Amino acid sequence: MAKKTWTLCDVDQDVYVDSLSLSPDQVGGGAKGYSIVKRTLRGGLREGVDVVEVDNGTFRFVVVPTRGMGIWNATLGSMRLGWKSPVQGPVHPAFVHFNEASGIGWLDGFDEMLVRCGLESNGAPVFNADGSVRNVLHGRIANIPAHKVEVSVDGNSGELAVTGVVDEARLFGNKLRLTSTISTRVGRPGLTVTDVVTNLSAEPGELELLYHTNFGIPLVGAGAKVVLPVAKMAPRDAAGVGNLNQWDTYGPETPGAPEAVFFFDLAADAAGNTQALVHNVAADQGVSLKFNKNQLPCFTLWKNRQAAADGYVTGLEPATNFPNRKSFEKQQGRVIVLAPGESRAMEVVLDVHPDAAGVAAARKAVIELQRGVTPEILPQPDPQWSPA
């Protein structure tokens, strides 16, 4: 049998592997040219962070089990995906004071290409009457290390996968388990994230989950475009209203510019499949996100227009809900309630387009989803999508 699995960490079994390097020689089968390396980073805020570097011979990406199974960055040849955060990470959760009084301490560790927001909450911070933080910005899952991590390789099919289990649980609170598998195949210019969230409690549990997928310079810069199949769109707030005429186009670095955020209901095919595309100004490099609206019905576009030194970046964000205060999302019926033992599955596919032909094909796919759907563009925030 050419499929093999290695356990990197299993807290229940007291197993932890400091380092591992895999190649076709250890697996067998016909697949060639790949590698998987597990190592621990040292120095600065990354001290003690475990990473798993997956190289399928064409496409390389870095999974961070220490940070909730996020994806730090990726490269395809000379094309680098991700962004340049003011934070030099990946940051160990021990250095992220996400319970600080401001409620936005989560930003201290934010520098991944893909980071999950959730699981109990994923939006703006919420405060108690005494001023203490009830729900921190974007939730806790990104700052919880996986307690079980495995890598698997199928030497016949060339399937490469990293699977991690992360528990977000506390006494007198939610008890949710994220089981995430990040997979690719030899030679494939992309990856698939397959997540299952399970309620471990004997009581109902609440779930919000958002995939904060981030791209910056040089892919995204002045003149770059985002292409979406829009059924309905509304700006989140006044800053979005001010950028409404340019919502699908990225401007130059603008120090001091507020973030512009737009909420969407995207058009989809009969099965609920939809996709988003972002490409550079020359339209010869781009990235698509594919997902299913039956799993992730809400989509947010985030444009941080500040200078590169301050984190020029865009976020393409499929989610179960919009990233508002949880109380508002609950009023609108967008907070999932999981019965005891119930699970929900979500999948996000990331495809990289390294040339003009690939970008054109991805654009055509989005246009096909838009066919027959007249976009409804609201000039002001939708009161059902944005709190007053």
Protein backbone atom coordinates (compact mmCIF):
# COMPACT_ATOMS: atom_id res chain seq x y z
CA MET A 1 0.00 0.00 0.00
CA ALA A 2 1.47 3.34 -1.07
CA LYS A 3 -0.57 5.54 1.30
CA LYS A 4 1.17 6.22 4.58
CA THR A 5 0.39 8.40 7.61
CA TRP A 6 2.71 9.95 10.18
CA THR A 7 1.59 11.35 13.54
CA LEU A 8 3.35 14.60 14.41
CA CYS A 9 1.47 15.36 17.60
CA ASP A 10 -1.09 13.49 19.71
CA VAL A 11 -1.53 14.93 23.18
CA ASP A 12 -3.78 12.05 24.27
CA GLN A 13 -1.01 9.56 23.45
CA ASP A 14 1.82 11.84 24.63
CA VAL A 15 3.34 11.87 21.13
CA TYR A 16 5.29 14.80 19.72
CA VAL A 17 7.72 14.76 16.80
CA ASP A 18 10.28 17.58 16.79
CA SER A 19 11.08 17.35 13.10
CA LEU A 20 10.23 15.26 10.07
CA SER A 21 11.22 15.31 6.41
CA LEU A 22 9.30 13.19 3.89
CA SER A 23 10.01 12.50 0.23
CA PRO A 24 8.97 9.83 -2.31
CA ASP A 25 11.75 7.54 -1.07
CA GLN A 26 9.88 6.99 2.23
CA VAL A 27 6.52 6.38 0.59
CA GLY A 28 6.92 4.49 -2.67
CA GLY A 29 4.51 4.62 -5.58
CA GLY A 30 4.70 6.57 -8.80
CA ALA A 31 4.28 10.11 -7.47
CA LYS A 32 7.53 12.07 -7.52
CA GLY A 33 8.94 15.52 -6.84
CA TYR A 34 7.18 16.35 -3.57
CA SER A 35 8.23 16.90 0.02
CA ILE A 36 6.70 17.54 3.43
CA VAL A 37 8.79 19.06 6.21
CA LYS A 38 7.77 19.60 9.81
CA ARG A 39 9.91 21.95 11.89
CA THR A 40 9.68 24.31 14.84
CA LEU A 41 10.48 28.00 14.37
CA ARG A 42 12.80 29.81 16.75
CA GLY A 43 13.37 33.43 17.67
CA GLY A 44 11.17 36.46 18.24
CA LEU A 45 7.41 36.12 18.34
CA ARG A 46 7.59 32.87 16.35
CA GLU A 47 9.43 31.05 19.13
CA GLY A 48 7.98 27.56 19.47
CA VAL A 49 5.61 27.74 16.47
CA ASP A 50 5.26 24.42 14.64
CA VAL A 51 4.93 24.59 10.85
CA VAL A 52 4.35 21.94 8.21
CA GLU A 53 5.77 22.91 4.82
CA VAL A 54 4.10 21.09 1.91
CA ASP A 55 5.71 21.20 -1.54
CA ASN A 56 3.86 19.31 -4.28
CA GLY A 57 6.60 19.99 -6.82
CA THR A 58 4.74 22.99 -8.26
CA PHE A 59 2.99 24.67 -5.37
CA ARG A 60 4.29 25.18 -1.84
CA PHE A 61 2.35 26.24 1.27
CA VAL A 62 2.95 26.41 5.02
CA VAL A 63 0.40 25.10 7.53
CA VAL A 64 0.63 26.36 11.12
CA PRO A 65 -0.84 23.83 13.58
CA THR A 66 0.15 26.09 16.48
CA ARG A 67 -2.20 28.76 15.13
CA GLY A 68 -5.39 26.77 14.71
CA MET A 69 -4.33 25.10 11.42
CA GLY A 70 -4.04 28.40 9.57
CA ILE A 71 -2.04 28.74 6.35
CA TRP A 72 0.80 31.20 6.66
CA ASN A 73 1.69 31.75 2.99
CA ALA A 74 2.10 29.98 -0.34
CA THR A 75 4.24 30.21 -3.46
CA LEU A 76 3.90 29.06 -7.05
CA GLY A 77 7.22 29.60 -8.80
CA SER A 78 8.05 33.27 -8.31
CA MET A 79 4.44 34.08 -7.39
CA ARG A 80 4.08 34.62 -3.63
CA LEU A 81 0.64 34.53 -2.02
CA GLY A 82 -0.15 36.17 1.26
CA TRP A 83 0.63 39.66 2.45
CA LYS A 84 3.17 41.70 4.37
CA SER A 85 1.76 42.25 7.84
CA PRO A 86 3.23 44.77 10.29
CA VAL A 87 3.38 41.73 12.58
CA GLN A 88 6.43 39.52 11.99
CA GLY A 89 5.06 36.04 12.41
CA PRO A 90 3.77 33.49 12.49
CA VAL A 91 3.16 34.58 16.07
CA HIS A 92 2.94 32.07 18.89
CA PRO A 93 -0.44 32.39 20.67
CA ALA A 94 1.42 32.97 23.94
CA PHE A 95 2.32 36.43 22.62
CA VAL A 96 -1.22 37.34 21.51
CA HIS A 97 -3.11 39.11 24.27
CA PHE A 98 -6.47 38.72 22.59
CA ASN A 99 -8.38 39.23 25.85
CA GLU A 100 -6.95 42.74 26.35
CA ALA A 101 -9.44 45.48 27.26
CA SER A 102 -9.71 46.86 23.70
CA GLY A 103 -11.13 43.58 22.44
CA ILE A 104 -8.85 43.70 19.37
CA GLY A 105 -5.75 41.95 20.70
CA TRP A 106 -6.34 39.30 17.99
CA LEU A 107 -4.59 41.68 15.59
CA ASP A 108 -1.28 41.12 17.43
CA GLY A 109 -0.95 37.75 15.70
CA PHE A 110 -2.60 38.45 12.35
CA ASP A 111 -0.32 37.74 9.38
CA GLU A 112 -1.59 34.55 7.71
CA MET A 113 -2.78 34.07 4.15
CA LEU A 114 -5.71 32.06 5.52
CA VAL A 115 -6.87 32.39 9.09
CA ARG A 116 -10.16 31.16 10.52
CA CYS A 117 -12.34 33.47 12.57
CA GLY A 118 -14.60 31.72 15.08
CA LEU A 119 -15.71 29.34 16.39
CA GLU A 120 -17.97 30.77 19.08
CA SER A 121 -17.89 34.21 17.45
CA ASN A 122 -16.13 35.71 14.44
CA GLY A 123 -17.06 39.38 14.22
CA ALA A 124 -16.55 42.64 16.04
CA PRO A 125 -15.76 42.53 19.76
CA VAL A 126 -18.63 42.53 22.25
CA PHE A 127 -18.36 43.98 25.74
CA ASN A 128 -20.18 43.31 29.00
CA ALA A 129 -21.93 46.08 30.92
CA ASP A 130 -18.85 46.52 33.13
CA GLY A 131 -16.61 47.06 30.08
CA SER A 132 -14.98 43.65 30.13
CA VAL A 133 -14.71 41.69 26.87
CA ARG A 134 -17.36 39.08 26.20
CA ASN A 135 -16.45 38.20 22.60
CA VAL A 136 -13.02 39.17 21.28
CA LEU A 137 -12.45 40.34 17.72
CA HIS A 138 -12.69 37.37 15.33
CA GLY A 139 -12.82 34.76 18.07
CA ARG A 140 -10.29 32.38 19.60
CA ILE A 141 -9.77 29.48 17.18
CA ALA A 142 -6.74 31.00 15.39
CA ASN A 143 -4.87 31.19 18.68
CA ILE A 144 -5.46 27.62 19.84
CA PRO A 145 -2.81 25.00 18.96
CA ALA A 146 -3.90 21.70 17.43
CA HIS A 147 -3.65 18.82 19.91
CA LYS A 148 -3.44 16.18 17.20
CA VAL A 149 -1.63 16.55 13.85
CA GLU A 150 -1.04 13.97 11.13
CA VAL A 151 0.39 14.08 7.62
CA SER A 152 -0.47 11.55 4.97
CA VAL A 153 0.89 10.79 1.52
CA ASP A 154 -0.59 8.58 -1.19
CA GLY A 155 2.33 7.56 -3.36
CA ASN A 156 0.03 6.36 -6.14
CA SER A 157 -2.36 9.31 -6.49
CA GLY A 158 0.09 11.97 -5.26
CA GLU A 159 -2.40 13.16 -2.62
CA LEU A 160 -0.68 15.10 0.20
CA ALA A 161 -2.59 16.08 3.33
CA VAL A 162 -2.13 17.66 6.74
CA THR A 163 -4.88 17.00 9.29
CA GLY A 164 -5.19 18.73 12.64
CA VAL A 165 -7.67 18.66 15.50
CA VAL A 166 -8.29 21.86 17.48
CA ASP A 167 -10.66 22.12 20.45
CA GLU A 168 -12.25 25.41 21.44
CA ALA A 169 -13.78 24.43 24.76
CA ARG A 170 -14.28 25.69 28.27
CA LEU A 171 -16.23 24.87 31.41
CA PHE A 172 -19.68 26.54 31.35
CA GLY A 173 -19.26 27.40 27.65
CA ASN A 174 -19.10 26.09 24.12
CA LYS A 175 -17.22 22.85 23.46
CA LEU A 176 -16.49 22.76 19.73
CA ARG A 177 -13.93 20.66 17.86
CA LEU A 178 -12.43 21.67 14.51
CA THR A 179 -11.00 18.81 12.44
CA SER A 180 -9.21 20.34 9.47
CA THR A 181 -7.60 18.64 6.50
CA ILE A 182 -5.54 20.75 4.11
CA SER A 183 -4.77 18.78 0.98
CA THR A 184 -3.21 19.03 -2.46
CA ARG A 185 -1.89 16.74 -5.20
CA VAL A 186 1.50 16.55 -6.85
CA GLY A 187 1.68 19.26 -9.50
CA ARG A 188 -1.60 20.95 -8.56
CA PRO A 189 -1.50 24.77 -8.41
CA GLY A 190 -3.70 25.03 -5.34
CA LEU A 191 -5.11 23.37 -2.25
CA THR A 192 -8.35 22.35 -0.56
CA VAL A 193 -9.36 23.09 3.04
CA THR A 194 -11.91 20.61 4.38
CA ASP A 195 -13.18 21.38 7.87
CA VAL A 196 -15.61 19.59 10.15
CA VAL A 197 -16.85 21.32 13.31
CA THR A 198 -18.41 19.09 15.97
CA ASN A 199 -20.25 20.00 19.14
CA LEU A 200 -18.66 17.90 21.89
CA SER A 201 -21.11 19.08 24.54
CA ALA A 202 -24.28 17.43 25.84
CA GLU A 203 -25.92 20.82 25.31
CA PRO A 204 -26.49 22.86 22.12
CA GLY A 205 -23.49 24.90 20.94
CA GLU A 206 -23.33 28.08 18.87
CA LEU A 207 -21.07 28.34 15.81
CA GLU A 208 -19.78 31.18 13.64
CA LEU A 209 -16.98 30.51 11.13
CA LEU A 210 -15.29 32.80 8.61
CA TYR A 211 -12.32 32.09 6.33
CA HIS A 212 -10.25 35.30 6.34
CA THR A 213 -8.22 34.74 3.14
CA ASN A 214 -5.72 37.53 2.55
CA PHE A 215 -3.68 38.79 -0.40
CA GLY A 216 -1.42 41.82 -0.71
CA ILE A 217 1.37 43.36 -2.73
CA PRO A 218 2.52 42.47 -5.38
CA LEU A 219 -0.56 40.48 -6.46
CA VAL A 220 -2.94 43.12 -5.15
CA GLY A 221 -2.05 46.76 -5.72
CA ALA A 222 -3.23 49.79 -7.66
CA GLY A 223 -5.42 48.65 -10.54
CA ALA A 224 -5.89 45.06 -9.35
CA LYS A 225 -9.42 43.68 -9.59
CA VAL A 226 -11.77 41.44 -7.66
CA VAL A 227 -14.34 39.60 -9.77
CA LEU A 228 -17.48 38.31 -8.04
CA PRO A 229 -20.84 36.92 -9.21
CA VAL A 230 -23.00 39.43 -7.37
CA ALA A 231 -26.62 38.74 -6.53
CA LYS A 232 -26.72 41.48 -3.91
CA MET A 233 -24.11 43.79 -2.43
CA ALA A 234 -24.11 46.50 0.22
CA PRO A 235 -21.38 48.58 1.85
CA ARG A 236 -20.88 47.82 5.52
CA ASP A 237 -20.59 51.43 6.65
CA ALA A 238 -19.76 55.00 5.58
CA ALA A 239 -16.24 54.08 4.46
CA GLY A 240 -17.71 51.45 2.16
CA VAL A 241 -20.23 53.95 0.83
CA GLY A 242 -17.34 56.27 -0.04
CA ASN A 243 -15.59 53.47 -1.97
CA LEU A 244 -18.73 52.09 -3.61
CA ASN A 245 -17.89 53.22 -7.14
CA GLN A 246 -14.54 51.44 -6.91
CA TRP A 247 -15.59 48.40 -4.90
CA ASP A 248 -14.12 45.94 -7.44
CA THR A 249 -10.90 47.90 -8.09
CA TYR A 250 -7.93 48.39 -5.77
CA GLY A 251 -6.40 51.82 -5.41
CA PRO A 252 -2.89 52.89 -4.49
CA GLU A 253 -1.43 52.77 -1.01
CA THR A 254 -3.20 55.52 0.92
CA PRO A 255 -1.84 56.22 4.41
CA GLY A 256 -4.61 56.85 6.88
CA ALA A 257 -7.40 55.55 4.63
CA PRO A 258 -10.10 53.65 6.55
CA GLU A 259 -10.78 50.03 5.66
CA ALA A 260 -13.57 49.59 3.13
CA VAL A 261 -15.84 46.60 3.68
CA PHE A 262 -18.64 45.20 1.51
CA PHE A 263 -21.14 42.44 2.25
CA PHE A 264 -22.43 40.11 -0.49
CA ASP A 265 -24.94 37.51 -1.41
CA LEU A 266 -23.17 35.78 -4.31
CA ALA A 267 -24.82 34.08 -7.27
CA ALA A 268 -24.23 30.33 -7.46
CA ASP A 269 -25.03 27.33 -9.62
CA ALA A 270 -27.91 24.94 -8.95
CA ALA A 271 -25.82 23.00 -6.44
CA GLY A 272 -24.82 26.15 -4.53
CA ASN A 273 -21.26 26.33 -5.84
CA THR A 274 -19.76 29.76 -6.32
CA GLN A 275 -16.35 31.39 -6.60
CA ALA A 276 -14.40 34.63 -6.24
CA LEU A 277 -11.38 35.83 -8.21
CA VAL A 278 -8.74 38.43 -7.45
CA HIS A 279 -6.11 39.28 -10.06
CA ASN A 280 -3.31 41.77 -10.59
CA VAL A 281 -3.49 44.87 -12.79
CA ALA A 282 -2.02 43.02 -15.78
CA ALA A 283 -4.57 40.19 -15.39
CA ASP A 284 -1.77 37.63 -15.74
CA GLN A 285 -1.71 36.42 -12.12
CA GLY A 286 -4.63 35.65 -9.87
CA VAL A 287 -6.24 33.46 -7.23
CA SER A 288 -9.72 31.94 -7.06
CA LEU A 289 -11.66 30.82 -4.01
CA LYS A 290 -14.37 28.23 -4.57
CA PHE A 291 -16.94 27.26 -1.96
CA ASN A 292 -20.57 26.24 -1.54
CA LYS A 293 -23.22 28.66 -0.33
CA ASN A 294 -25.13 25.89 1.40
CA GLN A 295 -22.15 25.71 3.78
CA LEU A 296 -20.92 29.32 3.63
CA PRO A 297 -23.80 31.60 2.57
CA CYS A 298 -22.22 34.97 3.40
CA PHE A 299 -19.28 36.71 1.73
CA THR A 300 -17.30 39.74 2.88
CA LEU A 301 -14.80 41.76 0.85
CA TRP A 302 -12.28 43.66 3.00
CA LYS A 303 -9.98 46.30 1.54
CA ASN A 304 -7.28 47.70 3.81
CA ARG A 305 -5.96 50.59 1.74
CA GLN A 306 -3.15 51.79 3.97
CA ALA A 307 0.53 51.99 3.05
CA ALA A 308 2.45 48.75 2.53
CA ALA A 309 4.32 49.36 5.79
CA ASP A 310 0.97 49.40 7.59
CA GLY A 311 -0.43 46.28 5.93
CA TYR A 312 -1.93 46.95 2.48
CA VAL A 313 -4.14 43.88 1.97
CA THR A 314 -7.48 42.57 0.83
CA GLY A 315 -9.53 39.82 2.42
CA LEU A 316 -11.86 37.46 0.53
CA GLU A 317 -14.02 36.00 3.28
CA PRO A 318 -16.63 33.26 2.80
CA ALA A 319 -18.48 32.60 6.04
CA THR A 320 -21.50 31.25 7.82
CA ASN A 321 -22.47 34.82 8.76
CA PHE A 322 -21.34 38.43 8.41
CA PRO A 323 -18.58 39.55 10.83
CA ASN A 324 -20.74 41.80 12.97
CA ARG A 325 -21.40 41.69 16.70
CA LYS A 326 -22.66 38.23 17.54
CA SER A 327 -25.82 39.59 19.16
CA PHE A 328 -26.80 41.26 15.87
CA GLU A 329 -26.05 38.15 13.81
CA LYS A 330 -28.11 36.11 16.26
CA GLN A 331 -31.06 38.48 15.83
CA GLN A 332 -30.80 37.99 12.07
CA GLY A 333 -30.79 34.19 12.38
CA ARG A 334 -27.26 33.73 11.09
CA VAL A 335 -25.71 31.99 14.12
CA ILE A 336 -25.63 28.21 13.70
CA VAL A 337 -26.83 26.12 16.64
CA LEU A 338 -25.34 22.63 16.75
CA ALA A 339 -27.20 19.92 18.63
CA PRO A 340 -25.19 17.72 21.01
CA GLY A 341 -22.83 15.63 18.89
CA GLU A 342 -23.84 17.38 15.65
CA SER A 343 -21.22 18.24 13.03
CA ARG A 344 -21.06 20.73 10.15
CA ALA A 345 -18.67 20.45 7.21
CA MET A 346 -17.20 23.34 5.19
CA GLU A 347 -14.84 23.29 2.23
CA VAL A 348 -12.83 26.07 0.59
CA VAL A 349 -10.78 25.47 -2.57
CA LEU A 350 -7.92 27.81 -3.48
CA ASP A 351 -6.74 27.75 -7.11
CA VAL A 352 -3.76 29.78 -8.31
CA HIS A 353 -3.63 31.24 -11.83
CA PRO A 354 -0.03 32.01 -12.83
CA ASP A 355 -0.74 33.32 -16.33
CA ALA A 356 -3.22 35.33 -18.40
CA ALA A 357 -4.96 32.23 -19.74
CA GLY A 358 -5.68 30.96 -16.24
CA VAL A 359 -7.01 34.34 -15.11
CA ALA A 360 -9.21 34.60 -18.20
CA ALA A 361 -10.67 31.12 -17.59
CA ALA A 362 -11.42 31.97 -13.96
CA ARG A 363 -13.05 35.26 -14.97
CA LYS A 364 -15.18 33.38 -17.52
CA ALA A 365 -16.34 30.99 -14.78
CA VAL A 366 -17.44 33.89 -12.58
CA ILE A 367 -19.23 35.57 -15.49
CA GLU A 368 -21.07 32.32 -16.18
CA LEU A 369 -22.35 32.29 -12.59
CA GLN A 370 -23.50 35.89 -13.06
CA ARG A 371 -25.43 35.03 -16.24
CA GLY A 372 -29.13 35.70 -15.79
CA VAL A 373 -28.62 37.34 -12.40
CA THR A 374 -29.03 41.12 -12.24
CA PRO A 375 -26.86 42.41 -9.40
CA GLU A 376 -28.63 44.42 -6.73
CA ILE A 377 -26.19 47.11 -5.56
CA LEU A 378 -27.36 48.99 -2.48
CA PRO A 379 -26.04 52.55 -2.10
CA GLN A 380 -26.22 52.37 1.70
CA PRO A 381 -25.73 49.65 4.34
CA ASP A 382 -28.46 47.04 4.47
CA PRO A 383 -30.07 47.16 7.95
CA GLN A 384 -30.39 43.36 7.90
CA TRP A 385 -26.65 43.01 7.17
CA SER A 386 -25.13 45.90 9.14
CA PRO A 387 -26.11 47.07 12.64
CA ALA A 388 -26.98 50.72 13.06
